[in-house]
């Protein structure tokens, strides 16, 4: 029987230089860290094998990846791509070709320190530790974690942060852990403290307000403390400035609630210190104060008549992006949202105008102009003379202006001796004739006129008119 010939082909195996591991892009994969994704690229059909403890994402995928395990740390791991030869003669034992590359897995070198400061192994409920004083000897950063319910002030990434215990910590051992990180891992340092049972206080209030809003902060619970003192700033800053007392530079008030008044835009913080027996309880609240618009406008004119009841409003608001106007006319209750509106009033009266100005952050301001607009009844003029001679000029006695189309609801005309010479109802104009139709002589006549104004009702005029022929 003829012997089988084993064919062996040379292949190239390439390990890509990109490592993607928890955001650490751009680092070389050789060395790599535990948990890194080391991307591999090979050619041909084969299988990945290794002497390491990590795993391949797919051992048959030439473009797979290797993820080093913790046991690989500090080791040189062989990554091998094993390719079987092409079985041209259908032999039962084909040959293989193997190419290996060495991957160095770097152990974590993070290092630091933390132990509880002397005398800080016990804490009152709601109390604040001394600065914790952790260090970073080698690493890219650090952060605090805890199994307690409190917080680290001013930040959980500050090595000298203080731990502020919460009501849920009372009567428990609390573990504080300082985590030092670097590219290939982290190291942790843990110490503990005991939180004495007792009363802890919290601040009830908003985390965000507008600069023109009123603010009231309340202690919770409101009673049970020997005293409750309020301070401007967070707890760590208050404690750093001196023992909490009424003479403290950040002291602003005392009692179960506090109202700071208007606050400027920006972030601000308040701290409540409760004294109960021999314990001090601290609680801080940080508030984002959003800028508020300032609403304002000018109206032109402020006083007008129903002859021209249209008012022009000029918006003088600052820091606003949208507007709502209410012009105070009950006959026209719809609001207006234009920047500089005009508005025509429907009846005489005195009107209050309100402008609501709002910005993109949801803060608003009102400008109320009380008794802002006075609209007087129409001014009706009656001429002092007329000449009914048929020349088309001043031929009749009638209310002016003509375009308003006023008419006499009642007109009574008297001669110089007080005798009524003319009277009529619903009369557009008087042509100088007596009630019996005869032309009256030239002279001076007195009158009493009742004129109906649309939407306003009747008004009465009395006066003297000269009839000229």
Protein backbone atom coordinates (compact mmCIF):
# COMPACT_ATOMS: atom_id res chain seq x y z
CA UNK A 1 0.00 0.00 0.00
CA UNK A 2 1.30 3.42 -0.92
CA UNK A 3 2.11 5.62 2.10
CA UNK A 4 0.08 8.80 2.68
CA UNK A 5 1.79 12.12 2.22
CA UNK A 6 1.10 14.76 4.84
CA UNK A 7 0.88 18.31 3.53
CA UNK A 8 1.59 21.23 5.85
CA UNK A 9 0.87 24.84 4.86
CA UNK A 10 2.37 27.90 6.49
CA UNK A 11 -0.19 30.47 7.70
CA UNK A 12 0.17 33.83 9.30
CA UNK A 13 -1.45 34.65 12.64
CA UNK A 14 -1.92 38.33 13.51
CA UNK A 15 -2.92 39.72 16.92
CA UNK A 16 -4.49 43.16 16.60
CA UNK A 17 -3.06 46.01 18.65
CA UNK A 18 -6.42 47.30 19.89
CA UNK A 19 -7.64 46.39 23.33
CA UNK A 20 -11.12 47.37 24.43
CA UNK A 21 -11.68 46.88 28.11
CA UNK A 22 -13.99 49.00 30.21
CA UNK A 23 -13.31 52.08 28.12
CA UNK A 24 -9.49 51.75 28.08
CA UNK A 25 -9.16 52.21 24.33
CA UNK A 26 -5.83 52.81 22.65
CA UNK A 27 -3.73 50.75 25.11
CA UNK A 28 -1.52 48.01 23.75
CA UNK A 29 -2.78 44.48 24.30
CA UNK A 30 0.68 43.32 25.06
CA UNK A 31 0.83 43.63 27.96
CA UNK A 32 -2.93 43.37 28.63
CA UNK A 33 -4.98 43.54 31.81
CA UNK A 34 -7.26 40.97 33.37
CA UNK A 35 -10.65 41.27 31.71
CA UNK A 36 -9.34 43.08 28.62
CA UNK A 37 -10.73 42.00 25.26
CA UNK A 38 -7.68 41.07 23.17
CA UNK A 39 -8.82 40.94 19.59
CA UNK A 40 -7.20 38.27 17.40
CA UNK A 41 -7.05 38.01 13.64
CA UNK A 42 -5.89 34.86 11.78
CA UNK A 43 -6.35 33.27 8.38
CA UNK A 44 -7.52 29.78 7.34
CA UNK A 45 -9.59 27.23 9.23
CA UNK A 46 -8.40 26.22 12.65
CA UNK A 47 -8.89 26.42 16.37
CA UNK A 48 -7.57 28.67 19.13
CA UNK A 49 -5.77 27.09 22.11
CA UNK A 50 -3.96 28.59 25.10
CA UNK A 51 -2.08 27.61 28.22
CA UNK A 52 -3.78 30.46 30.08
CA UNK A 53 -6.90 30.42 32.27
CA UNK A 54 -8.84 32.95 30.21
CA UNK A 55 -11.45 32.24 27.58
CA UNK A 56 -11.88 32.73 23.84
CA UNK A 57 -15.12 34.23 22.65
CA UNK A 58 -15.18 31.54 19.93
CA UNK A 59 -12.34 29.00 19.60
CA UNK A 60 -13.16 28.38 15.91
CA UNK A 61 -13.42 32.04 14.87
CA UNK A 62 -10.15 33.28 13.32
CA UNK A 63 -11.22 36.81 14.24
CA UNK A 64 -12.18 35.95 17.80
CA UNK A 65 -10.96 37.44 21.05
CA UNK A 66 -9.23 36.29 24.23
CA UNK A 67 -10.21 37.59 27.67
CA UNK A 68 -7.50 37.07 30.32
CA UNK A 69 -8.61 35.64 33.66
CA UNK A 70 -7.44 36.69 37.12
CA UNK A 71 -5.15 33.63 37.23
CA UNK A 72 -3.35 34.98 34.13
CA UNK A 73 -2.19 38.10 35.98
CA UNK A 74 1.61 38.28 36.05
CA UNK A 75 1.91 35.42 33.55
CA UNK A 76 3.04 35.09 29.94
CA UNK A 77 0.17 33.37 28.16
CA UNK A 78 0.56 31.50 24.86
CA UNK A 79 -2.20 32.16 22.31
CA UNK A 80 -1.99 29.64 19.48
CA UNK A 81 -3.86 29.29 16.21
CA UNK A 82 -3.78 25.62 15.10
CA UNK A 83 -4.49 25.07 11.40
CA UNK A 84 -5.11 21.65 9.88
CA UNK A 85 -3.47 20.86 6.54
CA UNK A 86 -5.58 20.38 3.45
CA UNK A 87 -6.39 16.64 3.09
CA UNK A 88 -5.84 16.26 -0.68
CA UNK A 89 -5.52 12.46 -0.58
CA UNK A 90 -8.27 11.93 2.01
CA UNK A 91 -5.75 10.55 4.47
CA UNK A 92 -7.11 9.72 7.89
CA UNK A 93 -4.38 11.62 9.77
CA UNK A 94 -3.94 15.09 8.29
CA UNK A 95 -1.09 17.30 9.50
CA UNK A 96 -1.37 20.53 11.51
CA UNK A 97 0.49 23.78 11.64
CA UNK A 98 0.62 25.90 14.80
CA UNK A 99 1.75 29.47 15.33
CA UNK A 100 1.80 30.96 18.83
CA UNK A 101 2.21 34.47 20.17
CA UNK A 102 2.97 35.41 23.76
CA UNK A 103 0.61 37.70 25.66
CA UNK A 104 1.81 39.25 28.91
CA UNK A 105 -1.00 39.83 31.42
CA UNK A 106 -0.11 42.64 33.79
CA UNK A 107 -1.31 42.47 37.41
CA UNK A 108 -2.89 45.51 39.07
CA UNK A 109 -0.40 47.87 40.70
CA UNK A 110 -2.97 50.08 42.43
CA UNK A 111 -1.90 51.05 45.93
CA UNK A 112 -3.08 53.42 48.64
CA UNK A 113 -4.12 53.48 52.29
CA UNK A 114 -7.02 54.16 54.62
CA UNK A 115 -7.71 53.70 58.32
CA UNK A 116 -10.30 55.49 60.42
CA UNK A 117 -8.92 58.65 62.07
CA UNK A 118 -8.27 58.30 65.81
CA UNK A 119 -11.44 58.73 67.84
CA UNK A 120 -13.71 58.37 64.79
CA UNK A 121 -14.70 54.75 65.27
CA UNK A 122 -18.02 55.84 66.81
CA UNK A 123 -20.44 58.44 65.52
CA UNK A 124 -23.76 59.92 66.57
CA UNK A 125 -26.75 59.29 64.32
CA UNK A 126 -26.69 62.05 61.73
CA UNK A 127 -23.15 62.97 62.75
CA UNK A 128 -20.14 63.79 60.62
CA UNK A 129 -16.72 62.11 60.83
CA UNK A 130 -13.39 63.87 60.79
CA UNK A 131 -11.70 64.00 57.35
CA UNK A 132 -11.05 60.35 56.48
CA UNK A 133 -7.52 60.93 55.14
CA UNK A 134 -7.19 58.19 52.51
CA UNK A 135 -4.24 58.17 50.10
CA UNK A 136 -3.36 57.07 46.57
CA UNK A 137 0.22 55.80 46.30
CA UNK A 138 -0.14 54.42 42.81
CA UNK A 139 -3.23 54.66 40.65
CA UNK A 140 -5.33 56.83 38.40
CA UNK A 141 -7.99 57.73 40.97
CA UNK A 142 -10.06 56.63 43.92
CA UNK A 143 -13.61 56.62 45.24
CA UNK A 144 -15.53 55.82 48.42
CA UNK A 145 -18.19 53.14 48.87
CA UNK A 146 -20.14 52.10 51.95
CA UNK A 147 -22.79 49.68 53.13
CA UNK A 148 -24.31 52.53 55.15
CA UNK A 149 -27.14 54.87 54.22
CA UNK A 150 -25.13 58.08 54.54
CA UNK A 151 -23.12 60.12 52.07
CA UNK A 152 -19.56 61.35 51.62
CA UNK A 153 -19.01 65.11 51.72
CA UNK A 154 -18.13 67.02 49.68
CA UNK A 155 -17.65 64.16 47.18
CA UNK A 156 -17.19 60.39 47.17
CA UNK A 157 -13.98 60.93 45.15
CA UNK A 158 -12.30 63.17 47.72
CA UNK A 159 -9.67 61.22 49.75
CA UNK A 160 -10.31 63.62 52.66
CA UNK A 161 -14.10 63.38 52.51
CA UNK A 162 -16.20 63.17 55.66
CA UNK A 163 -18.85 60.52 56.11
CA UNK A 164 -22.26 61.99 57.03
CA UNK A 165 -24.39 59.30 58.65
CA UNK A 166 -28.08 58.96 57.88
CA UNK A 167 -31.01 57.91 60.10
CA UNK A 168 -30.78 54.39 58.66
CA UNK A 169 -27.25 54.01 60.09
CA UNK A 170 -28.34 54.33 63.73
CA UNK A 171 -27.37 51.32 65.85
CA UNK A 172 -25.23 49.69 63.12
CA UNK A 173 -21.61 49.02 62.26
CA UNK A 174 -20.88 50.85 59.00
CA UNK A 175 -18.04 49.88 56.66
CA UNK A 176 -16.25 52.58 54.68
CA UNK A 177 -14.17 51.43 51.70
CA UNK A 178 -11.57 53.44 49.80
CA UNK A 179 -11.14 52.08 46.25
CA UNK A 180 -7.87 52.91 44.45
CA UNK A 181 -8.03 52.32 40.71
CA UNK A 182 -5.56 52.06 37.88
CA UNK A 183 -5.76 50.66 34.36
CA UNK A 184 -5.37 47.00 35.28
CA UNK A 185 -7.67 46.89 38.28
CA UNK A 186 -8.17 48.28 41.75
CA UNK A 187 -7.35 47.66 45.38
CA UNK A 188 -9.67 48.34 48.31
CA UNK A 189 -9.07 49.42 51.91
CA UNK A 190 -11.93 49.07 54.41
CA UNK A 191 -12.45 50.22 57.97
CA UNK A 192 -15.58 50.45 60.12
CA UNK A 193 -17.33 52.69 62.60
CA UNK A 194 -20.32 52.30 64.90
CA UNK A 195 -23.24 54.74 64.67
CA UNK A 196 -24.86 55.31 68.04
CA UNK A 197 -28.65 55.06 68.26
CA UNK A 198 -30.23 58.48 68.48
CA UNK A 199 -32.17 61.12 66.61
CA UNK A 200 -30.95 62.18 63.19
CA UNK A 201 -32.48 65.14 61.40
CA UNK A 202 -33.07 65.76 57.72
CA UNK A 203 -33.93 68.85 55.67
CA UNK A 204 -37.20 68.91 53.77
CA UNK A 205 -36.99 71.21 50.78
CA UNK A 206 -36.67 71.30 46.99
CA UNK A 207 -33.50 70.43 45.09
CA UNK A 208 -34.30 73.05 42.46
CA UNK A 209 -36.09 76.40 42.54
CA UNK A 210 -36.35 79.56 40.48
CA UNK A 211 -34.48 82.63 41.67
CA UNK A 212 -37.70 84.58 42.26
CA UNK A 213 -39.41 81.78 44.23
CA UNK A 214 -39.88 81.77 47.97
CA UNK A 215 -38.06 78.97 49.79
CA UNK A 216 -38.91 77.39 53.13
CA UNK A 217 -36.66 74.68 54.60
CA UNK A 218 -38.04 72.45 57.35
CA UNK A 219 -36.38 70.12 59.83
CA UNK A 220 -37.63 66.55 59.93
CA UNK A 221 -38.63 65.67 62.57
CA UNK A 222 -39.56 69.15 63.72
CA UNK A 223 -39.25 68.41 67.44
CA UNK A 224 -37.17 66.44 69.92
CA UNK A 225 -33.91 68.38 69.63
CA UNK A 226 -32.40 70.58 72.30
CA UNK A 227 -31.73 73.10 69.52
CA UNK A 228 -31.77 73.27 65.72
CA UNK A 229 -29.30 75.62 64.02
CA UNK A 230 -29.19 76.50 60.32
CA UNK A 231 -26.02 77.31 58.36
CA UNK A 232 -25.24 78.41 54.81
CA UNK A 233 -23.02 75.84 53.05
CA UNK A 234 -22.67 72.06 53.15
CA UNK A 235 -21.85 70.20 56.35
CA UNK A 236 -18.16 69.66 55.61
CA UNK A 237 -17.61 73.38 54.97
CA UNK A 238 -19.55 74.33 58.09
CA UNK A 239 -17.56 71.97 60.32
CA UNK A 240 -14.28 73.06 58.74
CA UNK A 241 -15.05 76.69 59.65
CA UNK A 242 -15.49 75.95 63.34
CA UNK A 243 -17.80 74.37 65.92
CA UNK A 244 -21.48 74.91 65.04
CA UNK A 245 -22.92 77.71 67.16
CA UNK A 246 -24.81 80.98 66.85
CA UNK A 247 -21.49 82.81 66.50
CA UNK A 248 -20.40 80.62 63.57
CA UNK A 249 -19.70 82.72 60.43
CA UNK A 250 -22.14 80.61 58.37
CA UNK A 251 -24.97 80.72 60.95
CA UNK A 252 -28.24 82.01 59.45
CA UNK A 253 -31.03 81.03 61.84
CA UNK A 254 -32.53 78.52 64.24
CA UNK A 255 -35.73 76.62 64.81
CA UNK A 256 -37.69 73.89 63.01
CA UNK A 257 -37.84 75.88 59.77
CA UNK A 258 -35.86 78.54 57.95
CA UNK A 259 -36.66 80.83 55.01
CA UNK A 260 -33.56 82.30 53.35
CA UNK A 261 -35.40 84.83 51.19
CA UNK A 262 -34.45 85.50 47.58
CA UNK A 263 -31.46 83.53 46.31
CA UNK A 264 -29.24 84.45 43.35
CA UNK A 265 -28.94 82.00 40.43
CA UNK A 266 -26.43 79.19 40.95
CA UNK A 267 -25.90 76.28 43.34
CA UNK A 268 -26.21 76.83 47.06
CA UNK A 269 -26.34 74.57 50.11
CA UNK A 270 -27.80 74.72 53.61
CA UNK A 271 -26.92 72.62 56.65
CA UNK A 272 -29.10 71.80 59.64
CA UNK A 273 -27.36 70.92 62.90
CA UNK A 274 -29.48 69.26 65.58
CA UNK A 275 -28.24 69.04 69.16
CA UNK A 276 -29.73 66.19 71.20
CA UNK A 277 -28.04 65.25 74.46
CA UNK A 278 -24.34 64.90 73.69
CA UNK A 279 -24.83 64.22 69.97
CA UNK A 280 -24.80 66.54 66.99
CA UNK A 281 -26.73 65.61 63.86
CA UNK A 282 -25.87 67.17 60.50
CA UNK A 283 -27.99 67.24 57.38
CA UNK A 284 -27.23 69.17 54.19
CA UNK A 285 -29.35 70.06 51.19
CA UNK A 286 -27.90 71.39 47.94
CA UNK A 287 -30.25 73.51 45.85
CA UNK A 288 -29.92 74.52 42.20
CA UNK A 289 -31.27 78.07 41.85
CA UNK A 290 -32.37 78.66 38.25
CA UNK A 291 -32.36 82.15 36.70
CA UNK A 292 -35.79 83.76 36.54
CA UNK A 293 -37.07 86.22 33.95
CA UNK A 294 -38.20 89.73 34.83
CA UNK A 295 -41.56 90.69 33.38
CA UNK A 296 -42.27 94.32 32.49
CA UNK A 297 -44.16 96.31 29.87
CA UNK A 298 -45.30 99.79 28.93
CA UNK A 299 -48.79 100.67 27.65
CA UNK A 300 -49.52 103.52 25.25
CA UNK A 301 -51.75 105.36 25.98
CA UNK A 302 -52.84 104.69 29.55
CA UNK A 303 -55.98 106.83 29.15
CA UNK A 304 -58.12 106.81 26.02
CA UNK A 305 -61.74 106.97 24.91
CA UNK A 306 -64.01 104.60 23.08
CA UNK A 307 -63.41 106.75 20.01
CA UNK A 308 -60.03 104.99 19.79
CA UNK A 309 -59.93 102.14 22.36
CA UNK A 310 -56.80 100.46 20.94
CA UNK A 311 -53.77 100.24 23.27
CA UNK A 312 -50.22 99.31 22.22
CA UNK A 313 -48.23 97.22 24.70
CA UNK A 314 -44.42 97.30 24.52
CA UNK A 315 -42.78 94.29 26.15
CA UNK A 316 -39.80 95.25 28.34
CA UNK A 317 -39.22 91.81 29.91
CA UNK A 318 -35.72 90.41 30.36
CA UNK A 319 -34.58 86.78 30.21
CA UNK A 320 -37.91 85.44 28.90
CA UNK A 321 -38.73 83.38 25.82
CA UNK A 322 -42.55 83.13 25.94
CA UNK A 323 -45.35 85.39 27.09
CA UNK A 324 -49.02 85.30 28.07
CA UNK A 325 -51.05 88.54 28.25
CA UNK A 326 -54.38 89.10 29.97
CA UNK A 327 -55.84 92.51 29.22
CA UNK A 328 -58.62 92.37 31.82
CA UNK A 329 -61.55 92.80 29.41
CA UNK A 330 -64.29 90.36 30.51
CA UNK A 331 -65.92 90.63 27.09
CA UNK A 332 -62.70 89.41 25.46
CA UNK A 333 -61.21 86.86 27.90
CA UNK A 334 -58.84 85.20 25.42
CA UNK A 335 -55.15 85.66 26.19
CA UNK A 336 -52.44 86.80 23.79
CA UNK A 337 -48.96 85.29 23.39
CA UNK A 338 -47.34 87.79 21.01
CA UNK A 339 -44.31 89.82 22.02
CA UNK A 340 -45.72 93.34 21.57
CA UNK A 341 -49.50 93.08 21.19
CA UNK A 342 -52.18 95.67 20.53
CA UNK A 343 -55.63 95.36 22.08
CA UNK A 344 -58.95 97.14 21.53
CA UNK A 345 -61.23 97.39 24.56
CA UNK A 346 -64.91 96.69 24.12
CA UNK A 347 -66.38 99.11 26.66
CA UNK A 348 -65.47 102.05 28.89
CA UNK A 349 -63.88 101.12 32.20
CA UNK A 350 -60.68 100.74 34.19
CA UNK A 351 -58.65 97.63 33.41
CA UNK A 352 -55.84 95.69 35.10
CA UNK A 353 -53.33 94.10 32.72
CA UNK A 354 -51.21 91.04 33.62
CA UNK A 355 -48.14 89.77 31.76
CA UNK A 356 -46.71 86.31 32.46
CA UNK A 357 -43.13 85.92 31.18
CA UNK A 358 -41.47 82.49 31.13
CA UNK A 359 -37.98 81.23 30.17
CA UNK A 360 -36.79 77.91 28.73
CA UNK A 361 -35.97 76.55 32.20
CA UNK A 362 -39.58 76.79 33.31
CA UNK A 363 -39.16 79.84 35.55
CA UNK A 364 -41.78 82.57 35.32
CA UNK A 365 -42.47 86.10 36.50
CA UNK A 366 -45.67 88.17 36.63
CA UNK A 367 -46.03 91.87 36.02
CA UNK A 368 -49.39 93.18 37.21
CA UNK A 369 -50.35 96.70 36.21
CA UNK A 370 -53.34 97.47 38.46
CA UNK A 371 -55.86 99.96 37.04
CA UNK A 372 -53.45 100.24 34.16
CA UNK A 373 -55.82 101.31 31.39
CA UNK A 374 -58.67 103.80 31.66
CA UNK A 375 -61.10 103.83 28.74
CA UNK A 376 -63.52 106.77 28.83
CA UNK A 377 -66.87 106.93 27.02
CA UNK A 378 -66.84 108.26 23.50
CA UNK A 379 -66.44 111.97 23.20
CA UNK A 380 -69.50 113.31 21.40
CA UNK A 381 -69.37 116.83 20.03
CA UNK A 382 -72.40 118.97 19.15
CA UNK A 383 -71.73 122.03 16.98
CA UNK A 384 -72.33 125.51 18.39
CA UNK A 385 -73.88 126.75 15.13
CA UNK A 386 -75.36 125.51 11.84
CA UNK A 387 -76.85 127.08 8.70
CA UNK A 388 -79.76 125.17 7.14
CA UNK A 389 -79.64 127.05 3.82
CA UNK A 390 -79.24 124.08 1.50
CA UNK A 391 -75.67 124.82 0.43
CA UNK A 392 -74.46 121.41 1.66
CA UNK A 393 -72.32 122.92 4.41
CA UNK A 394 -73.41 122.60 8.03
CA UNK A 395 -77.03 122.26 6.96
CA UNK A 396 -78.05 120.15 9.99
CA UNK A 397 -77.44 119.99 13.72
CA UNK A 398 -76.13 116.51 14.57
CA UNK A 399 -73.66 114.70 16.89
CA UNK A 400 -70.05 114.51 15.74
CA UNK A 401 -67.91 112.72 14.63
CA UNK A 402 -70.02 111.71 11.66
CA UNK A 403 -68.22 108.36 11.14
CA UNK A 404 -69.50 107.10 14.50
CA UNK A 405 -73.11 107.34 13.20
CA UNK A 406 -74.51 108.68 16.45
CA UNK A 407 -78.16 109.68 16.56
CA UNK A 408 -80.48 111.50 18.93
CA UNK A 409 -82.52 109.18 21.08
CA UNK A 410 -84.32 112.35 22.15
CA UNK A 411 -83.82 115.97 21.07
CA UNK A 412 -85.63 118.95 22.61
CA UNK A 413 -85.06 122.54 21.32
CA UNK A 414 -86.15 125.70 23.18
CA UNK A 415 -86.30 129.31 22.06
CA UNK A 416 -84.87 132.21 24.02
CA UNK A 417 -88.06 132.44 26.12
CA UNK A 418 -87.86 128.79 27.15
CA UNK A 419 -90.65 127.58 24.92
CA UNK A 420 -90.14 124.15 23.34
CA UNK A 421 -90.16 124.65 19.59
CA UNK A 422 -89.02 121.20 18.53
CA UNK A 423 -89.01 117.69 19.99
CA UNK A 424 -88.42 114.29 18.39
CA UNK A 425 -87.22 110.76 19.16
CA UNK A 426 -84.72 108.61 17.24
CA UNK A 427 -83.58 111.50 15.09
CA UNK A 428 -80.31 111.39 13.08
CA UNK A 429 -80.14 115.20 12.74
CA UNK A 430 -82.20 118.44 13.13
CA UNK A 431 -82.69 120.65 10.08
CA UNK A 432 -83.75 123.86 11.91
CA UNK A 433 -87.52 123.38 11.57
CA UNK A 434 -90.12 123.54 14.31
CA UNK A 435 -92.18 120.53 15.29
CA UNK A 436 -94.90 121.66 12.86
CA UNK A 437 -92.40 121.77 9.97
CA UNK A 438 -92.03 125.53 9.58
CA UNK A 439 -88.50 126.96 9.36
CA UNK A 440 -87.43 128.64 12.57
CA UNK A 441 -86.03 132.14 12.57
CA UNK A 442 -82.31 132.70 12.90
CA UNK A 443 -81.23 133.08 16.49
CA UNK A 444 -79.96 131.36 19.58
CA UNK A 445 -81.65 128.20 20.82
CA UNK A 446 -80.99 125.95 23.78
CA UNK A 447 -81.28 122.18 23.59
CA UNK A 448 -81.36 118.99 25.59
CA UNK A 449 -80.04 115.98 23.65
CA UNK A 450 -80.00 112.32 24.67
CA UNK A 451 -77.55 110.40 22.47
CA UNK A 452 -77.29 106.60 22.35
CA UNK A 453 -73.71 105.32 22.14
CA UNK A 454 -73.25 101.76 20.84
CA UNK A 455 -72.16 99.36 23.64
CA UNK A 456 -72.22 102.25 26.14
CA UNK A 457 -75.82 103.38 26.55
CA UNK A 458 -77.35 106.88 26.48
CA UNK A 459 -75.61 110.12 27.46
CA UNK A 460 -77.24 113.54 27.90
CA UNK A 461 -75.93 116.79 26.47
CA UNK A 462 -77.31 120.30 27.09
CA UNK A 463 -76.13 123.49 25.44
CA UNK A 464 -76.76 126.41 23.08
CA UNK A 465 -76.75 126.37 19.30
CA UNK A 466 -76.88 129.32 16.89
CA UNK A 467 -79.18 128.93 13.90
CA UNK A 468 -77.83 130.99 11.00
CA UNK A 469 -79.64 131.59 7.70
